[in-house]
């Protein structure tokens, strides 16, 4: 009986800064454990691999009921930022800067650098054909390291037997 290589596939559907990191961190951990990693970017998740968007990902406090600014270094006690404060001008930029600063202080690479580390480690990155067509994008709109634009069916075929994680 031969031992099969473990496989994991992430589906990234969100383009917010805080939603970029789960697949990156888990993908890196998987590679470190000898697990094959495939990442499929769809809908707003394609912002993680779009040249024009990758360095401009944000975290919006509006609608993010779990956001606790104290976790990012701003002392608000045990309270989060009240939702109404999230609509104030500059709050998205403020929250984004706090998160980026906190991640940098922890030594966490920016999204583009993290993706390049994954590609260099053997991870395979794919863009969703339906989303690409819907947004009028082309292969040249994506960062280096994206293997191809594939359909959801193609993705399912190429990740047969993998653990699939939707983010």
N, C-alpha and C. Protein backbone atom coordinates (compact mmCIF):
# COMPACT_ATOMS: atom_id res chain seq x y z
N UNK A 1 0.84 -1.17 0.00
CA UNK A 1 0.00 0.00 0.00
C UNK A 1 0.89 1.25 0.00
N UNK A 2 0.68 2.14 -0.98
CA UNK A 2 1.49 3.36 -1.07
C UNK A 2 0.82 4.49 -0.30
N UNK A 3 1.67 5.33 0.25
CA UNK A 3 1.16 6.46 1.01
C UNK A 3 0.92 7.63 0.05
N UNK A 4 -0.30 8.21 0.10
CA UNK A 4 -0.60 9.35 -0.76
C UNK A 4 -0.22 10.65 -0.07
N UNK A 5 0.20 11.63 -0.86
CA UNK A 5 0.51 12.95 -0.34
C UNK A 5 -0.79 13.64 0.07
N UNK A 6 -0.79 14.21 1.25
CA UNK A 6 -1.95 14.97 1.71
C UNK A 6 -2.09 16.22 0.86
N UNK A 7 -3.35 16.64 0.64
CA UNK A 7 -3.62 17.83 -0.16
C UNK A 7 -4.65 18.69 0.55
N UNK A 8 -4.46 20.01 0.45
CA UNK A 8 -5.44 20.94 0.97
C UNK A 8 -5.66 22.01 -0.09
N UNK A 9 -6.90 22.45 -0.21
CA UNK A 9 -7.25 23.49 -1.17
C UNK A 9 -8.07 24.56 -0.46
N UNK A 10 -7.67 25.79 -0.66
CA UNK A 10 -8.38 26.92 -0.07
C UNK A 10 -9.13 27.66 -1.16
N UNK A 11 -10.34 28.07 -0.85
CA UNK A 11 -11.12 28.93 -1.73
C UNK A 11 -11.20 30.29 -1.05
N UNK A 12 -10.57 31.29 -1.65
CA UNK A 12 -10.57 32.65 -1.09
C UNK A 12 -11.62 33.48 -1.82
N UNK A 13 -12.65 33.89 -1.09
CA UNK A 13 -13.76 34.61 -1.71
C UNK A 13 -13.88 36.05 -1.23
N UNK A 14 -13.03 36.47 -0.32
CA UNK A 14 -13.14 37.81 0.25
C UNK A 14 -11.83 38.57 0.07
N UNK A 15 -11.94 39.86 -0.20
CA UNK A 15 -10.77 40.68 -0.46
C UNK A 15 -10.41 41.64 0.66
N UNK A 16 -10.98 41.46 1.83
CA UNK A 16 -10.62 42.31 2.97
C UNK A 16 -9.28 41.86 3.53
N UNK A 17 -8.54 42.80 4.10
CA UNK A 17 -7.22 42.50 4.64
C UNK A 17 -7.27 41.38 5.68
N UNK A 18 -8.25 41.42 6.56
CA UNK A 18 -8.33 40.40 7.60
C UNK A 18 -8.72 39.03 7.05
N UNK A 19 -9.33 38.99 5.88
CA UNK A 19 -9.72 37.71 5.28
C UNK A 19 -8.64 37.16 4.35
N UNK A 20 -7.59 37.95 4.12
CA UNK A 20 -6.49 37.48 3.28
C UNK A 20 -5.61 36.49 4.02
N UNK A 21 -5.40 36.73 5.29
CA UNK A 21 -4.40 35.97 6.04
C UNK A 21 -4.75 34.53 6.41
N UNK A 22 -6.01 34.16 6.65
CA UNK A 22 -6.25 32.76 7.03
C UNK A 22 -5.70 31.73 6.04
N UNK A 23 -5.95 31.92 4.75
CA UNK A 23 -5.44 30.95 3.77
C UNK A 23 -3.92 31.02 3.65
N UNK A 24 -3.36 32.23 3.79
CA UNK A 24 -1.91 32.38 3.68
C UNK A 24 -1.20 31.68 4.83
N UNK A 25 -1.67 31.92 6.04
CA UNK A 25 -1.06 31.30 7.22
C UNK A 25 -1.24 29.79 7.20
N UNK A 26 -2.45 29.35 6.94
CA UNK A 26 -2.71 27.91 6.93
C UNK A 26 -2.01 27.22 5.77
N UNK A 27 -1.94 27.90 4.62
CA UNK A 27 -1.24 27.34 3.46
C UNK A 27 0.24 27.17 3.74
N UNK A 28 0.83 28.17 4.39
CA UNK A 28 2.25 28.09 4.74
C UNK A 28 2.51 26.97 5.73
N UNK A 29 1.62 26.84 6.72
CA UNK A 29 1.76 25.75 7.69
C UNK A 29 1.64 24.39 7.00
N UNK A 30 0.71 24.30 6.05
CA UNK A 30 0.52 23.04 5.33
C UNK A 30 1.77 22.68 4.52
N UNK A 31 2.32 23.66 3.80
CA UNK A 31 3.55 23.41 3.04
C UNK A 31 4.67 22.92 3.95
N UNK A 32 4.76 23.53 5.12
CA UNK A 32 5.78 23.14 6.09
C UNK A 32 5.61 21.72 6.60
N UNK A 33 4.41 21.20 6.46
CA UNK A 33 4.13 19.82 6.87
C UNK A 33 4.07 18.87 5.69
N UNK A 34 4.57 19.31 4.53
CA UNK A 34 4.63 18.45 3.35
C UNK A 34 3.30 18.22 2.66
N UNK A 35 2.36 19.10 2.90
CA UNK A 35 1.02 18.98 2.29
C UNK A 35 0.97 19.82 1.03
N UNK A 36 0.44 19.26 -0.07
CA UNK A 36 0.24 20.02 -1.30
C UNK A 36 -0.82 21.08 -1.07
N UNK A 37 -0.55 22.31 -1.55
CA UNK A 37 -1.46 23.44 -1.34
C UNK A 37 -1.90 24.03 -2.67
N UNK A 38 -3.21 24.19 -2.82
CA UNK A 38 -3.80 24.86 -3.97
C UNK A 38 -4.73 25.93 -3.43
N UNK A 39 -4.67 27.13 -4.04
CA UNK A 39 -5.55 28.22 -3.61
C UNK A 39 -6.30 28.74 -4.83
N UNK A 40 -7.62 28.81 -4.69
CA UNK A 40 -8.54 29.25 -5.74
C UNK A 40 -9.13 30.58 -5.30
N UNK A 41 -8.94 31.62 -6.11
CA UNK A 41 -9.43 32.95 -5.77
C UNK A 41 -10.67 33.26 -6.60
N UNK A 42 -11.75 33.61 -5.93
CA UNK A 42 -13.00 33.89 -6.61
C UNK A 42 -13.63 35.16 -6.05
N UNK A 43 -14.51 35.76 -6.82
CA UNK A 43 -15.18 37.01 -6.44
C UNK A 43 -14.17 38.00 -5.87
N UNK A 44 -14.45 38.62 -4.73
CA UNK A 44 -13.57 39.67 -4.19
C UNK A 44 -12.24 39.10 -3.70
N UNK A 45 -12.15 37.82 -3.52
CA UNK A 45 -10.89 37.19 -3.13
C UNK A 45 -9.81 37.38 -4.18
N UNK A 46 -10.22 37.66 -5.42
CA UNK A 46 -9.24 37.89 -6.47
C UNK A 46 -8.44 39.17 -6.23
N UNK A 47 -8.91 40.06 -5.35
CA UNK A 47 -8.13 41.25 -5.01
C UNK A 47 -6.77 40.87 -4.43
N UNK A 48 -6.67 39.72 -3.80
CA UNK A 48 -5.40 39.27 -3.22
C UNK A 48 -4.34 39.01 -4.30
N UNK A 49 -4.79 38.70 -5.51
CA UNK A 49 -3.85 38.37 -6.58
C UNK A 49 -3.87 39.39 -7.72
N UNK A 50 -4.70 40.42 -7.62
CA UNK A 50 -4.74 41.47 -8.65
C UNK A 50 -3.64 42.49 -8.41
N UNK A 51 -2.85 42.77 -9.44
CA UNK A 51 -1.76 43.73 -9.33
C UNK A 51 -2.23 45.07 -8.79
N UNK A 52 -3.35 45.57 -9.28
CA UNK A 52 -3.83 46.90 -8.89
C UNK A 52 -4.47 46.95 -7.51
N UNK A 53 -4.80 45.82 -6.92
CA UNK A 53 -5.51 45.80 -5.64
C UNK A 53 -4.70 45.23 -4.49
N UNK A 54 -3.75 44.38 -4.77
CA UNK A 54 -3.07 43.62 -3.72
C UNK A 54 -2.47 44.49 -2.62
N UNK A 55 -1.91 45.62 -2.96
CA UNK A 55 -1.29 46.49 -1.96
C UNK A 55 -2.29 47.48 -1.35
N UNK A 56 -3.57 47.34 -1.68
CA UNK A 56 -4.58 48.29 -1.21
C UNK A 56 -5.73 47.60 -0.48
N UNK A 57 -5.48 46.41 0.04
CA UNK A 57 -6.52 45.72 0.80
C UNK A 57 -6.76 46.47 2.10
N UNK A 58 -8.02 46.50 2.53
CA UNK A 58 -8.40 47.25 3.72
C UNK A 58 -9.20 46.39 4.67
N UNK A 59 -9.38 46.91 5.86
CA UNK A 59 -10.27 46.27 6.83
C UNK A 59 -11.27 47.34 7.27
N UNK A 60 -12.52 47.10 7.03
CA UNK A 60 -13.56 48.08 7.35
C UNK A 60 -14.21 47.76 8.69
N UNK A 61 -14.25 48.74 9.60
CA UNK A 61 -14.89 48.50 10.89
C UNK A 61 -16.42 48.41 10.79
N UNK A 62 -17.02 48.99 9.75
CA UNK A 62 -18.47 48.94 9.60
C UNK A 62 -18.89 47.52 9.28
N UNK A 63 -19.83 47.01 10.01
CA UNK A 63 -20.34 45.66 9.78
C UNK A 63 -19.47 44.56 10.34
N UNK A 64 -18.34 44.91 10.92
CA UNK A 64 -17.44 43.92 11.49
C UNK A 64 -17.66 43.91 13.00
N UNK A 65 -18.69 43.20 13.42
CA UNK A 65 -19.09 43.23 14.83
C UNK A 65 -18.07 42.60 15.76
N UNK A 66 -17.15 41.84 15.22
CA UNK A 66 -16.13 41.20 16.06
C UNK A 66 -14.88 42.05 16.23
N UNK A 67 -14.80 43.17 15.52
CA UNK A 67 -13.58 43.96 15.57
C UNK A 67 -13.39 44.56 16.96
N UNK A 68 -12.26 44.28 17.52
CA UNK A 68 -11.85 44.83 18.81
C UNK A 68 -10.56 45.58 18.58
N UNK A 69 -10.63 46.89 18.63
CA UNK A 69 -9.44 47.70 18.38
C UNK A 69 -8.37 47.43 19.43
N UNK A 70 -8.79 47.00 20.62
CA UNK A 70 -7.79 46.71 21.65
C UNK A 70 -6.88 45.56 21.22
N UNK A 71 -7.38 44.69 20.37
CA UNK A 71 -6.55 43.61 19.85
C UNK A 71 -5.46 44.15 18.94
N UNK A 72 -5.70 45.33 18.39
CA UNK A 72 -4.74 45.92 17.46
C UNK A 72 -3.96 47.05 18.11
N UNK A 73 -4.00 47.16 19.43
CA UNK A 73 -3.15 48.12 20.12
C UNK A 73 -3.82 49.38 20.59
N UNK A 74 -5.10 49.56 20.32
CA UNK A 74 -5.83 50.74 20.78
C UNK A 74 -6.64 50.32 21.99
N UNK A 75 -6.38 50.95 23.12
CA UNK A 75 -7.07 50.56 24.34
C UNK A 75 -8.50 51.08 24.35
N UNK A 76 -9.45 50.15 24.17
CA UNK A 76 -10.87 50.49 24.25
C UNK A 76 -11.52 49.66 25.34
N UNK A 77 -10.71 49.16 26.26
CA UNK A 77 -11.26 48.29 27.29
C UNK A 77 -11.69 46.98 26.66
N UNK A 78 -12.77 46.43 27.15
CA UNK A 78 -13.31 45.19 26.59
C UNK A 78 -14.31 45.45 25.48
N UNK A 79 -14.47 46.69 25.13
CA UNK A 79 -15.46 47.05 24.12
C UNK A 79 -14.83 47.13 22.75
N UNK A 80 -15.61 46.88 21.75
CA UNK A 80 -15.17 47.11 20.40
C UNK A 80 -15.49 48.54 20.02
N UNK A 81 -15.16 48.91 18.82
CA UNK A 81 -15.55 50.22 18.32
C UNK A 81 -17.04 50.16 18.02
N UNK A 82 -17.82 51.09 18.54
CA UNK A 82 -19.24 51.08 18.21
C UNK A 82 -19.43 51.14 16.70
N UNK A 83 -20.38 50.40 16.19
CA UNK A 83 -20.58 50.33 14.74
C UNK A 83 -20.76 51.70 14.11
N UNK A 84 -21.43 52.60 14.78
CA UNK A 84 -21.66 53.92 14.20
C UNK A 84 -20.35 54.66 13.96
N UNK A 85 -19.33 54.41 14.79
CA UNK A 85 -18.04 55.08 14.61
C UNK A 85 -17.36 54.64 13.32
N UNK A 86 -17.71 53.46 12.84
CA UNK A 86 -17.10 52.96 11.61
C UNK A 86 -17.43 53.77 10.39
N UNK A 87 -18.51 54.55 10.43
CA UNK A 87 -18.89 55.35 9.27
C UNK A 87 -18.17 56.70 9.24
N UNK A 88 -17.45 57.03 10.31
CA UNK A 88 -16.73 58.29 10.34
C UNK A 88 -15.62 58.28 9.29
N UNK A 89 -15.41 59.41 8.64
CA UNK A 89 -14.33 59.49 7.64
C UNK A 89 -12.98 59.08 8.25
N UNK A 90 -12.27 58.26 7.53
CA UNK A 90 -10.94 57.84 7.95
C UNK A 90 -10.88 56.59 8.81
N UNK A 91 -12.02 56.07 9.25
CA UNK A 91 -11.99 54.90 10.14
C UNK A 91 -11.47 53.64 9.43
N UNK A 92 -11.81 53.46 8.17
CA UNK A 92 -11.30 52.30 7.44
C UNK A 92 -9.78 52.41 7.30
N UNK A 93 -9.29 53.59 6.94
CA UNK A 93 -7.85 53.79 6.81
C UNK A 93 -7.16 53.58 8.17
N UNK A 94 -7.79 54.07 9.23
CA UNK A 94 -7.24 53.93 10.59
C UNK A 94 -7.15 52.46 10.98
N UNK A 95 -8.24 51.73 10.80
CA UNK A 95 -8.25 50.30 11.15
C UNK A 95 -7.26 49.52 10.31
N UNK A 96 -7.16 49.86 9.02
CA UNK A 96 -6.23 49.19 8.12
C UNK A 96 -4.78 49.43 8.57
N UNK A 97 -4.46 50.67 8.88
CA UNK A 97 -3.10 50.98 9.34
C UNK A 97 -2.78 50.25 10.64
N UNK A 98 -3.73 50.22 11.56
CA UNK A 98 -3.50 49.51 12.82
C UNK A 98 -3.18 48.04 12.57
N UNK A 99 -3.98 47.42 11.69
CA UNK A 99 -3.76 45.99 11.44
C UNK A 99 -2.42 45.77 10.74
N UNK A 100 -2.10 46.58 9.75
CA UNK A 100 -0.82 46.42 9.04
C UNK A 100 0.35 46.62 9.98
N UNK A 101 0.25 47.63 10.85
CA UNK A 101 1.33 47.88 11.81
C UNK A 101 1.49 46.71 12.78
N UNK A 102 0.36 46.18 13.25
CA UNK A 102 0.40 45.06 14.20
C UNK A 102 1.01 43.83 13.53
N UNK A 103 0.60 43.55 12.29
CA UNK A 103 1.13 42.40 11.55
C UNK A 103 2.64 42.57 11.33
N UNK A 104 3.07 43.77 10.96
CA UNK A 104 4.50 44.02 10.74
C UNK A 104 5.28 43.83 12.03
N UNK A 105 4.73 44.30 13.14
CA UNK A 105 5.39 44.16 14.43
C UNK A 105 5.56 42.68 14.80
N UNK A 106 4.62 41.86 14.38
CA UNK A 106 4.69 40.42 14.64
C UNK A 106 5.56 39.69 13.63
N UNK A 107 6.06 40.42 12.63
CA UNK A 107 6.90 39.80 11.61
C UNK A 107 6.12 39.09 10.52
N UNK A 108 4.83 39.40 10.40
CA UNK A 108 3.99 38.76 9.38
C UNK A 108 4.20 39.51 8.06
N UNK A 109 4.56 38.82 7.00
CA UNK A 109 4.80 39.48 5.73
C UNK A 109 3.52 40.09 5.15
N UNK A 110 3.66 41.14 4.34
CA UNK A 110 2.49 41.66 3.61
C UNK A 110 1.94 40.59 2.67
N UNK A 111 0.72 40.77 2.22
CA UNK A 111 0.03 39.78 1.39
C UNK A 111 0.85 39.36 0.18
N UNK A 112 1.38 40.31 -0.57
CA UNK A 112 2.14 39.96 -1.78
C UNK A 112 3.37 39.12 -1.50
N UNK A 113 4.08 39.48 -0.45
CA UNK A 113 5.28 38.72 -0.06
C UNK A 113 4.88 37.32 0.42
N UNK A 114 3.79 37.24 1.16
CA UNK A 114 3.31 35.94 1.66
C UNK A 114 2.94 35.03 0.49
N UNK A 115 2.21 35.58 -0.48
CA UNK A 115 1.84 34.77 -1.65
C UNK A 115 3.07 34.29 -2.40
N UNK A 116 4.08 35.16 -2.53
CA UNK A 116 5.30 34.75 -3.22
C UNK A 116 6.01 33.64 -2.46
N UNK A 117 6.01 33.73 -1.13
CA UNK A 117 6.59 32.65 -0.32
C UNK A 117 5.86 31.34 -0.59
N UNK A 118 4.54 31.40 -0.67
CA UNK A 118 3.75 30.20 -0.92
C UNK A 118 4.08 29.61 -2.29
N UNK A 119 4.13 30.48 -3.31
CA UNK A 119 4.47 30.01 -4.66
C UNK A 119 5.87 29.40 -4.68
N UNK A 120 6.83 30.08 -4.05
CA UNK A 120 8.20 29.57 -4.00
C UNK A 120 8.26 28.22 -3.26
N UNK A 121 7.33 28.01 -2.32
CA UNK A 121 7.27 26.76 -1.57
C UNK A 121 6.51 25.66 -2.28
N UNK A 122 5.91 25.98 -3.44
CA UNK A 122 5.22 24.95 -4.22
C UNK A 122 3.71 25.06 -4.26
N UNK A 123 3.13 26.05 -3.62
CA UNK A 123 1.67 26.22 -3.69
C UNK A 123 1.26 26.63 -5.10
N UNK A 124 0.07 26.22 -5.48
CA UNK A 124 -0.46 26.55 -6.80
C UNK A 124 -1.63 27.51 -6.62
N UNK A 125 -1.61 28.64 -7.37
CA UNK A 125 -2.63 29.67 -7.27
C UNK A 125 -3.43 29.73 -8.56
N UNK A 126 -4.76 29.81 -8.43
CA UNK A 126 -5.64 29.86 -9.59
C UNK A 126 -6.71 30.93 -9.41
N UNK A 127 -7.06 31.59 -10.52
CA UNK A 127 -8.15 32.56 -10.53
C UNK A 127 -9.40 31.88 -11.11
N UNK A 128 -10.56 32.26 -10.60
CA UNK A 128 -11.85 31.70 -11.03
C UNK A 128 -12.28 32.30 -12.36
N UNK A 129 -12.52 31.45 -13.34
CA UNK A 129 -12.88 31.93 -14.68
C UNK A 129 -14.17 32.73 -14.68
N UNK A 130 -15.20 32.28 -13.96
CA UNK A 130 -16.46 33.01 -13.96
C UNK A 130 -16.27 34.42 -13.39
N UNK A 131 -15.51 34.53 -12.30
CA UNK A 131 -15.26 35.84 -11.70
C UNK A 131 -14.40 36.71 -12.60
N UNK A 132 -13.40 36.11 -13.23
CA UNK A 132 -12.54 36.84 -14.17
C UNK A 132 -13.40 37.41 -15.30
N UNK A 133 -14.28 36.59 -15.87
CA UNK A 133 -15.15 37.04 -16.95
C UNK A 133 -16.12 38.11 -16.46
N UNK A 134 -16.67 37.91 -15.28
CA UNK A 134 -17.65 38.85 -14.72
C UNK A 134 -17.01 40.22 -14.49
N UNK A 135 -15.75 40.26 -14.04
CA UNK A 135 -15.08 41.52 -13.74
C UNK A 135 -14.27 42.05 -14.92
N UNK A 136 -14.27 41.32 -16.05
CA UNK A 136 -13.55 41.78 -17.24
C UNK A 136 -12.04 41.78 -17.07
N UNK A 137 -11.52 40.78 -16.38
CA UNK A 137 -10.08 40.71 -16.12
C UNK A 137 -9.40 39.77 -17.10
N UNK A 138 -8.06 39.84 -17.13
CA UNK A 138 -7.25 38.97 -17.97
C UNK A 138 -6.07 38.46 -17.14
N UNK A 139 -5.38 37.48 -17.63
CA UNK A 139 -4.24 36.89 -16.92
C UNK A 139 -3.21 37.95 -16.54
N UNK A 140 -3.00 38.93 -17.41
CA UNK A 140 -1.99 39.96 -17.12
C UNK A 140 -2.39 40.90 -15.99
N UNK A 141 -3.64 40.81 -15.52
CA UNK A 141 -4.08 41.61 -14.37
C UNK A 141 -3.61 41.02 -13.05
N UNK A 142 -3.11 39.79 -13.10
CA UNK A 142 -2.73 39.07 -11.87
C UNK A 142 -1.23 39.10 -11.63
N UNK A 143 -0.86 38.96 -10.38
CA UNK A 143 0.56 38.95 -9.99
C UNK A 143 1.22 37.68 -10.51
N UNK A 144 2.54 37.74 -10.60
CA UNK A 144 3.30 36.54 -10.97
C UNK A 144 3.04 35.45 -9.94
N UNK A 145 2.97 34.24 -10.41
CA UNK A 145 2.73 33.10 -9.52
C UNK A 145 1.36 32.49 -9.71
N UNK A 146 0.43 33.25 -10.29
CA UNK A 146 -0.89 32.68 -10.58
C UNK A 146 -0.71 31.75 -11.78
N UNK A 147 -1.06 30.48 -11.58
CA UNK A 147 -0.82 29.46 -12.62
C UNK A 147 -1.73 29.62 -13.82
N UNK A 148 -3.02 29.89 -13.56
CA UNK A 148 -3.98 29.87 -14.66
C UNK A 148 -5.31 30.41 -14.18
N UNK A 149 -6.19 30.61 -15.13
CA UNK A 149 -7.60 30.95 -14.88
C UNK A 149 -8.38 29.68 -15.17
N UNK A 150 -9.10 29.16 -14.18
CA UNK A 150 -9.77 27.87 -14.34
C UNK A 150 -11.23 27.96 -13.89
N UNK A 151 -12.04 27.05 -14.40
CA UNK A 151 -13.43 26.98 -13.99
C UNK A 151 -13.54 26.29 -12.62
N UNK A 152 -14.66 26.45 -11.99
CA UNK A 152 -14.90 25.77 -10.71
C UNK A 152 -14.80 24.25 -10.91
N UNK A 153 -15.29 23.76 -12.04
CA UNK A 153 -15.20 22.32 -12.32
C UNK A 153 -13.76 21.86 -12.45
N UNK A 154 -12.94 22.67 -13.14
CA UNK A 154 -11.51 22.34 -13.26
C UNK A 154 -10.86 22.28 -11.89
N UNK A 155 -11.20 23.26 -11.05
CA UNK A 155 -10.64 23.31 -9.70
C UNK A 155 -11.02 22.06 -8.92
N UNK A 156 -12.27 21.64 -9.02
CA UNK A 156 -12.72 20.44 -8.31
C UNK A 156 -11.96 19.21 -8.81
N UNK A 157 -11.75 19.13 -10.12
CA UNK A 157 -11.00 18.00 -10.68
C UNK A 157 -9.55 17.99 -10.19
N UNK A 158 -8.91 19.15 -10.21
CA UNK A 158 -7.48 19.19 -9.84
C UNK A 158 -7.25 19.03 -8.35
N UNK A 159 -8.30 19.19 -7.54
CA UNK A 159 -8.14 19.06 -6.09
C UNK A 159 -8.85 17.82 -5.54
N UNK A 160 -9.12 16.87 -6.42
CA UNK A 160 -9.78 15.64 -5.97
C UNK A 160 -8.98 15.00 -4.83
N UNK A 161 -9.67 14.68 -3.79
CA UNK A 161 -9.05 14.05 -2.63
C UNK A 161 -8.47 15.05 -1.63
N UNK A 162 -8.52 16.32 -1.95
CA UNK A 162 -7.98 17.35 -1.04
C UNK A 162 -9.03 17.75 -0.02
N UNK A 163 -8.56 18.20 1.12
CA UNK A 163 -9.43 18.85 2.10
C UNK A 163 -9.68 20.26 1.55
N UNK A 164 -10.94 20.65 1.39
CA UNK A 164 -11.26 21.96 0.82
C UNK A 164 -11.76 22.87 1.95
N UNK A 165 -11.14 24.07 2.02
CA UNK A 165 -11.48 25.03 3.06
C UNK A 165 -11.93 26.32 2.38
N UNK A 166 -13.15 26.73 2.69
CA UNK A 166 -13.74 27.94 2.09
C UNK A 166 -13.57 29.11 3.04
N UNK A 167 -12.97 30.18 2.53
CA UNK A 167 -12.75 31.38 3.36
C UNK A 167 -13.42 32.55 2.69
